[in-house]
Amino acid sequence: MLEKELSYTKPEVQLSGNDGNSFAVIGRVKKAMSVAGATQEEMDAFLEEARSGDYDHLLQTCFDYVEVL
């Protein structure tokens, strides 16, 4: 869970209807964050948190960093 404000406006990412593989999900979110202007620190924090649990934890982490559609 995020403890500070993001430096960018959360981009919208379509997760439903796409490849649900965890690597594909992480790739889509990371790309959207980069395009939205996220800092390297924010992207590293996303990756660390997203990889720290199971698939459900990955999805919950995505909701913290992007607007999931």
PDB file of N, CA and C in Angstrom:
ATOM      1  N   MET A   1       0.841  -1.187   0.000  1.00  0.00           N
ATOM      2  CA  MET A   1       0.000   0.000   0.000  1.00  0.00           C
ATOM      3  C   MET A   1       0.882   1.245   0.000  1.00  0.00           C
ATOM      4  N   LEU A   2       0.488   2.209  -0.784  1.00  0.00           N
ATOM      5  CA  LEU A   2       1.270   3.435  -0.891  1.00  0.00           C
ATOM      6  C   LEU A   2       1.216   4.242   0.389  1.00  0.00           C
ATOM      7  N   GLU A   3       2.357   4.815   0.724  1.00  0.00           N
ATOM      8  CA  GLU A   3       2.423   5.649   1.918  1.00  0.00           C
ATOM      9  C   GLU A   3       2.612   7.117   1.578  1.00  0.00           C
ATOM     10  N   LYS A   4       2.815   7.432   0.284  1.00  0.00           N
ATOM     11  CA  LYS A   4       2.983   8.826  -0.115  1.00  0.00           C
ATOM     12  C   LYS A   4       2.266   9.086  -1.424  1.00  0.00           C
ATOM     13  N   GLU A   5       2.125  10.345  -1.763  1.00  0.00           N
ATOM     14  CA  GLU A   5       1.456  10.754  -2.995  1.00  0.00           C
ATOM     15  C   GLU A   5       2.311  10.400  -4.205  1.00  0.00           C
ATOM     16  N   LEU A   6       1.649  10.119  -5.291  1.00  0.00           N
ATOM     17  CA  LEU A   6       2.351   9.850  -6.538  1.00  0.00           C
ATOM     18  C   LEU A   6       2.693  11.155  -7.235  1.00  0.00           C
ATOM     19  N   SER A   7       3.776  11.155  -7.993  1.00  0.00           N
ATOM     20  CA  SER A   7       4.199  12.364  -8.702  1.00  0.00           C
ATOM     21  C   SER A   7       3.525  12.495 -10.070  1.00  0.00           C
ATOM     22  N   TYR A   8       2.657  11.562 -10.397  1.00  0.00           N
ATOM     23  CA  TYR A   8       2.003  11.551 -11.701  1.00  0.00           C
ATOM     24  C   TYR A   8       0.515  11.277 -11.516  1.00  0.00           C
ATOM     25  N   THR A   9      -0.259  11.589 -12.539  1.00  0.00           N
ATOM     26  CA  THR A   9      -1.680  11.259 -12.537  1.00  0.00           C
ATOM     27  C   THR A   9      -1.814   9.807 -12.958  1.00  0.00           C
ATOM     28  N   LYS A  10      -2.561   9.031 -12.177  1.00  0.00           N
ATOM     29  CA  LYS A  10      -2.709   7.605 -12.479  1.00  0.00           C
ATOM     30  C   LYS A  10      -3.295   7.408 -13.871  1.00  0.00           C
ATOM     31  N   PRO A  11      -2.581   6.672 -14.722  1.00  0.00           N
ATOM     32  CA  PRO A  11      -3.129   6.374 -16.043  1.00  0.00           C
ATOM     33  C   PRO A  11      -4.127   5.221 -15.970  1.00  0.00           C
ATOM     34  N   GLU A  12      -4.979   5.120 -16.966  1.00  0.00           N
ATOM     35  CA  GLU A  12      -5.931   4.014 -17.039  1.00  0.00           C
ATOM     36  C   GLU A  12      -5.267   2.841 -17.745  1.00  0.00           C
ATOM     37  N   VAL A  13      -5.440   1.642 -17.187  1.00  0.00           N
ATOM     38  CA  VAL A  13      -4.870   0.433 -17.772  1.00  0.00           C
ATOM     39  C   VAL A  13      -5.966  -0.631 -17.851  1.00  0.00           C
ATOM     40  N   GLN A  14      -6.183  -1.151 -19.045  1.00  0.00           N
ATOM     41  CA  GLN A  14      -7.169  -2.205 -19.264  1.00  0.00           C
ATOM     42  C   GLN A  14      -6.521  -3.541 -18.933  1.00  0.00           C
ATOM     43  N   LEU A  15      -6.955  -4.171 -17.857  1.00  0.00           N
ATOM     44  CA  LEU A  15      -6.417  -5.474 -17.495  1.00  0.00           C
ATOM     45  C   LEU A  15      -7.365  -6.601 -17.890  1.00  0.00           C
ATOM     46  N   SER A  16      -8.661  -6.373 -17.767  1.00  0.00           N
ATOM     47  CA  SER A  16      -9.604  -7.434 -18.133  1.00  0.00           C
ATOM     48  C   SER A  16      -9.613  -7.603 -19.649  1.00  0.00           C
ATOM     49  N   GLY A  17      -9.717  -8.849 -20.076  1.00  0.00           N
ATOM     50  CA  GLY A  17      -9.757  -9.136 -21.501  1.00  0.00           C
ATOM     51  C   GLY A  17      -8.390  -9.235 -22.146  1.00  0.00           C
ATOM     52  N   ASN A  18      -7.335  -9.026 -21.383  1.00  0.00           N
ATOM     53  CA  ASN A  18      -5.972  -9.136 -21.880  1.00  0.00           C
ATOM     54  C   ASN A  18      -5.293 -10.333 -21.237  1.00  0.00           C
ATOM     55  N   ASP A  19      -4.084 -10.599 -21.664  1.00  0.00           N
ATOM     56  CA  ASP A  19      -3.293 -11.680 -21.083  1.00  0.00           C
ATOM     57  C   ASP A  19      -3.167 -11.450 -19.585  1.00  0.00           C
ATOM     58  N   GLY A  20      -3.593 -12.430 -18.793  1.00  0.00           N
ATOM     59  CA  GLY A  20      -3.575 -12.298 -17.346  1.00  0.00           C
ATOM     60  C   GLY A  20      -2.300 -12.777 -16.701  1.00  0.00           C
ATOM     61  N   ASN A  21      -1.329 -13.177 -17.506  1.00  0.00           N
ATOM     62  CA  ASN A  21      -0.038 -13.602 -16.986  1.00  0.00           C
ATOM     63  C   ASN A  21       0.555 -12.464 -16.149  1.00  0.00           C
ATOM     64  N   SER A  22       1.112 -12.795 -15.004  1.00  0.00           N
ATOM     65  CA  SER A  22       1.620 -11.755 -14.104  1.00  0.00           C
ATOM     66  C   SER A  22       2.683 -10.885 -14.769  1.00  0.00           C
ATOM     67  N   PHE A  23       3.529 -11.476 -15.612  1.00  0.00           N
ATOM     68  CA  PHE A  23       4.557 -10.672 -16.288  1.00  0.00           C
ATOM     69  C   PHE A  23       3.926  -9.703 -17.280  1.00  0.00           C
ATOM     70  N   ALA A  24       2.865 -10.134 -17.953  1.00  0.00           N
ATOM     71  CA  ALA A  24       2.162  -9.253 -18.887  1.00  0.00           C
ATOM     72  C   ALA A  24       1.479  -8.106 -18.142  1.00  0.00           C
ATOM     73  N   VAL A  25       0.870  -8.413 -17.008  1.00  0.00           N
ATOM     74  CA  VAL A  25       0.212  -7.385 -16.193  1.00  0.00           C
ATOM     75  C   VAL A  25       1.239  -6.362 -15.727  1.00  0.00           C
ATOM     76  N   ILE A  26       2.347  -6.833 -15.184  1.00  0.00           N
ATOM     77  CA  ILE A  26       3.401  -5.931 -14.711  1.00  0.00           C
ATOM     78  C   ILE A  26       3.914  -5.067 -15.863  1.00  0.00           C
ATOM     79  N   GLY A  27       4.109  -5.662 -17.020  1.00  0.00           N
ATOM     80  CA  GLY A  27       4.599  -4.908 -18.177  1.00  0.00           C
ATOM     81  C   GLY A  27       3.652  -3.807 -18.607  1.00  0.00           C
ATOM     82  N   ARG A  28       2.339  -4.106 -18.652  1.00  0.00           N
ATOM     83  CA  ARG A  28       1.360  -3.080 -19.047  1.00  0.00           C
ATOM     84  C   ARG A  28       1.324  -1.938 -18.040  1.00  0.00           C
ATOM     85  N   VAL A  29       1.343  -2.289 -16.749  1.00  0.00           N
ATOM     86  CA  VAL A  29       1.284  -1.247 -15.715  1.00  0.00           C
ATOM     87  C   VAL A  29       2.559  -0.406 -15.735  1.00  0.00           C
ATOM     88  N   LYS A  30       3.700  -1.047 -15.828  1.00  0.00           N
ATOM     89  CA  LYS A  30       4.971  -0.307 -15.836  1.00  0.00           C
ATOM     90  C   LYS A  30       5.050   0.624 -17.045  1.00  0.00           C
ATOM     91  N   LYS A  31       4.613   0.155 -18.211  1.00  0.00           N
ATOM     92  CA  LYS A  31       4.624   1.003 -19.407  1.00  0.00           C
ATOM     93  C   LYS A  31       3.716   2.209 -19.230  1.00  0.00           C
ATOM     94  N   ALA A  32       2.516   1.981 -18.701  1.00  0.00           N
ATOM     95  CA  ALA A  32       1.568   3.081 -18.484  1.00  0.00           C
ATOM     96  C   ALA A  32       2.118   4.080 -17.474  1.00  0.00           C
ATOM     97  N   MET A  33       2.762   3.580 -16.433  1.00  0.00           N
ATOM     98  CA  MET A  33       3.364   4.475 -15.437  1.00  0.00           C
ATOM     99  C   MET A  33       4.453   5.336 -16.069  1.00  0.00           C
ATOM    100  N   SER A  34       5.272   4.726 -16.908  1.00  0.00           N
ATOM    101  CA  SER A  34       6.357   5.450 -17.566  1.00  0.00           C
ATOM    102  C   SER A  34       5.820   6.552 -18.465  1.00  0.00           C
ATOM    103  N   VAL A  35       4.815   6.225 -19.267  1.00  0.00           N
ATOM    104  CA  VAL A  35       4.202   7.212 -20.160  1.00  0.00           C
ATOM    105  C   VAL A  35       3.570   8.351 -19.362  1.00  0.00           C
ATOM    106  N   ALA A  36       3.017   8.025 -18.186  1.00  0.00           N
ATOM    107  CA  ALA A  36       2.358   9.033 -17.348  1.00  0.00           C
ATOM    108  C   ALA A  36       3.361   9.913 -16.595  1.00  0.00           C
ATOM    109  N   GLY A  37       4.641   9.550 -16.633  1.00  0.00           N
ATOM    110  CA  GLY A  37       5.657  10.385 -15.986  1.00  0.00           C
ATOM    111  C   GLY A  37       6.088   9.930 -14.614  1.00  0.00           C
ATOM    112  N   ALA A  38       5.856   8.671 -14.288  1.00  0.00           N
ATOM    113  CA  ALA A  38       6.288   8.150 -12.988  1.00  0.00           C
ATOM    114  C   ALA A  38       7.809   8.197 -12.901  1.00  0.00           C
ATOM    115  N   THR A  39       8.304   8.426 -11.713  1.00  0.00           N
ATOM    116  CA  THR A  39       9.746   8.435 -11.498  1.00  0.00           C
ATOM    117  C   THR A  39      10.271   6.997 -11.466  1.00  0.00           C
ATOM    118  N   GLN A  40      11.568   6.859 -11.646  1.00  0.00           N
ATOM    119  CA  GLN A  40      12.178   5.528 -11.560  1.00  0.00           C
ATOM    120  C   GLN A  40      11.963   4.945 -10.166  1.00  0.00           C
ATOM    121  N   GLU A  41      12.004   5.794  -9.158  1.00  0.00           N
ATOM    122  CA  GLU A  41      11.761   5.351  -7.778  1.00  0.00           C
ATOM    123  C   GLU A  41      10.355   4.756  -7.634  1.00  0.00           C
ATOM    124  N   GLU A  42       9.366   5.414  -8.236  1.00  0.00           N
ATOM    125  CA  GLU A  42       7.993   4.913  -8.173  1.00  0.00           C
ATOM    126  C   GLU A  42       7.843   3.584  -8.925  1.00  0.00           C
ATOM    127  N   MET A  43       8.489   3.477 -10.081  1.00  0.00           N
ATOM    128  CA  MET A  43       8.399   2.222 -10.832  1.00  0.00           C
ATOM    129  C   MET A  43       9.104   1.091 -10.089  1.00  0.00           C
ATOM    130  N   ASP A  44      10.238   1.394  -9.469  1.00  0.00           N
ATOM    131  CA  ASP A  44      10.941   0.380  -8.675  1.00  0.00           C
ATOM    132  C   ASP A  44      10.099  -0.056  -7.479  1.00  0.00           C
ATOM    133  N   ALA A  45       9.442   0.917  -6.828  1.00  0.00           N
ATOM    134  CA  ALA A  45       8.584   0.600  -5.678  1.00  0.00           C
ATOM    135  C   ALA A  45       7.412  -0.274  -6.112  1.00  0.00           C
ATOM    136  N   PHE A  46       6.822   0.033  -7.275  1.00  0.00           N
ATOM    137  CA  PHE A  46       5.737  -0.796  -7.805  1.00  0.00           C
ATOM    138  C   PHE A  46       6.217  -2.224  -8.022  1.00  0.00           C
ATOM    139  N   LEU A  47       7.353  -2.377  -8.688  1.00  0.00           N
ATOM    140  CA  LEU A  47       7.865  -3.717  -8.979  1.00  0.00           C
ATOM    141  C   LEU A  47       8.156  -4.499  -7.706  1.00  0.00           C
ATOM    142  N   GLU A  48       8.780  -3.849  -6.751  1.00  0.00           N
ATOM    143  CA  GLU A  48       9.109  -4.524  -5.495  1.00  0.00           C
ATOM    144  C   GLU A  48       7.844  -4.994  -4.776  1.00  0.00           C
ATOM    145  N   GLU A  49       6.856  -4.110  -4.687  1.00  0.00           N
ATOM    146  CA  GLU A  49       5.611  -4.459  -4.007  1.00  0.00           C
ATOM    147  C   GLU A  49       4.823  -5.508  -4.785  1.00  0.00           C
ATOM    148  N   ALA A  50       4.744  -5.358  -6.097  1.00  0.00           N
ATOM    149  CA  ALA A  50       3.978  -6.281  -6.927  1.00  0.00           C
ATOM    150  C   ALA A  50       4.530  -7.701  -6.859  1.00  0.00           C
ATOM    151  N   ARG A  51       5.829  -7.830  -6.718  1.00  0.00           N
ATOM    152  CA  ARG A  51       6.482  -9.141  -6.683  1.00  0.00           C
ATOM    153  C   ARG A  51       6.553  -9.742  -5.288  1.00  0.00           C
ATOM    154  N   SER A  52       6.059  -9.035  -4.291  1.00  0.00           N
ATOM    155  CA  SER A  52       6.239  -9.473  -2.897  1.00  0.00           C
ATOM    156  C   SER A  52       5.131 -10.387  -2.379  1.00  0.00           C
ATOM    157  N   GLY A  53       4.201 -10.764  -3.241  1.00  0.00           N
ATOM    158  CA  GLY A  53       3.103 -11.612  -2.777  1.00  0.00           C
ATOM    159  C   GLY A  53       2.571 -12.480  -3.889  1.00  0.00           C
ATOM    160  N   ASP A  54       1.353 -12.933  -3.708  1.00  0.00           N
ATOM    161  CA  ASP A  54       0.718 -13.792  -4.698  1.00  0.00           C
ATOM    162  C   ASP A  54       0.046 -12.946  -5.794  1.00  0.00           C
ATOM    163  N   TYR A  55      -0.665 -13.620  -6.689  1.00  0.00           N
ATOM    164  CA  TYR A  55      -1.297 -12.942  -7.820  1.00  0.00           C
ATOM    165  C   TYR A  55      -2.324 -11.908  -7.357  1.00  0.00           C
ATOM    166  N   ASP A  56      -3.098 -12.229  -6.341  1.00  0.00           N
ATOM    167  CA  ASP A  56      -4.071 -11.264  -5.818  1.00  0.00           C
ATOM    168  C   ASP A  56      -3.379 -10.012  -5.293  1.00  0.00           C
ATOM    169  N   HIS A  57      -2.240 -10.202  -4.638  1.00  0.00           N
ATOM    170  CA  HIS A  57      -1.470  -9.055  -4.139  1.00  0.00           C
ATOM    171  C   HIS A  57      -0.970  -8.207  -5.311  1.00  0.00           C
ATOM    172  N   LEU A  58      -0.539  -8.858  -6.383  1.00  0.00           N
ATOM    173  CA  LEU A  58      -0.112  -8.143  -7.587  1.00  0.00           C
ATOM    174  C   LEU A  58      -1.240  -7.244  -8.083  1.00  0.00           C
ATOM    175  N   LEU A  59      -2.441  -7.794  -8.197  1.00  0.00           N
ATOM    176  CA  LEU A  59      -3.563  -7.003  -8.701  1.00  0.00           C
ATOM    177  C   LEU A  59      -3.905  -5.850  -7.769  1.00  0.00           C
ATOM    178  N   GLN A  60      -3.891  -6.081  -6.476  1.00  0.00           N
ATOM    179  CA  GLN A  60      -4.161  -5.004  -5.512  1.00  0.00           C
ATOM    180  C   GLN A  60      -3.112  -3.900  -5.628  1.00  0.00           C
ATOM    181  N   THR A  61      -1.866  -4.278  -5.849  1.00  0.00           N
ATOM    182  CA  THR A  61      -0.790  -3.296  -6.017  1.00  0.00           C
ATOM    183  C   THR A  61      -1.023  -2.468  -7.273  1.00  0.00           C
ATOM    184  N   CYS A  62      -1.501  -3.098  -8.328  1.00  0.00           N
ATOM    185  CA  CYS A  62      -1.806  -2.362  -9.560  1.00  0.00           C
ATOM    186  C   CYS A  62      -2.817  -1.252  -9.293  1.00  0.00           C
ATOM    187  N   PHE A  63      -3.835  -1.546  -8.479  1.00  0.00           N
ATOM    188  CA  PHE A  63      -4.845  -0.540  -8.144  1.00  0.00           C
ATOM    189  C   PHE A  63      -4.237   0.668  -7.423  1.00  0.00           C
ATOM    190  N   ASP A  64      -3.134   0.464  -6.710  1.00  0.00           N
ATOM    191  CA  ASP A  64      -2.485   1.568  -6.016  1.00  0.00           C
ATOM    192  C   ASP A  64      -1.759   2.514  -6.979  1.00  0.00           C
ATOM    193  N   TYR A  65      -1.283   1.991  -8.104  1.00  0.00           N
ATOM    194  CA  TYR A  65      -0.433   2.765  -9.005  1.00  0.00           C
ATOM    195  C   TYR A  65      -1.093   3.228 -10.296  1.00  0.00           C
ATOM    196  N   VAL A  66      -2.184   2.560 -10.705  1.00  0.00           N
ATOM    197  CA  VAL A  66      -2.895   2.948 -11.923  1.00  0.00           C
ATOM    198  C   VAL A  66      -4.389   2.792 -11.706  1.00  0.00           C
ATOM    199  N   GLU A  67      -5.179   3.371 -12.602  1.00  0.00           N
ATOM    200  CA  GLU A  67      -6.622   3.181 -12.606  1.00  0.00           C
ATOM    201  C   GLU A  67      -6.896   1.959 -13.457  1.00  0.00           C
ATOM    202  N   VAL A  68      -7.309   0.875 -12.824  1.00  0.00           N
ATOM    203  CA  VAL A  68      -7.526  -0.378 -13.528  1.00  0.00           C
ATOM    204  C   VAL A  68      -8.930  -0.405 -14.131  1.00  0.00           C
ATOM    205  N   LEU A  69      -8.993  -0.737 -15.397  1.00  0.00           N
ATOM    206  CA  LEU A  69     -10.268  -0.852 -16.104  1.00  0.00           C
ATOM    207  C   LEU A  69     -10.620  -2.306 -16.279  1.00  0.00           C
TER     208      LEU A  69
END
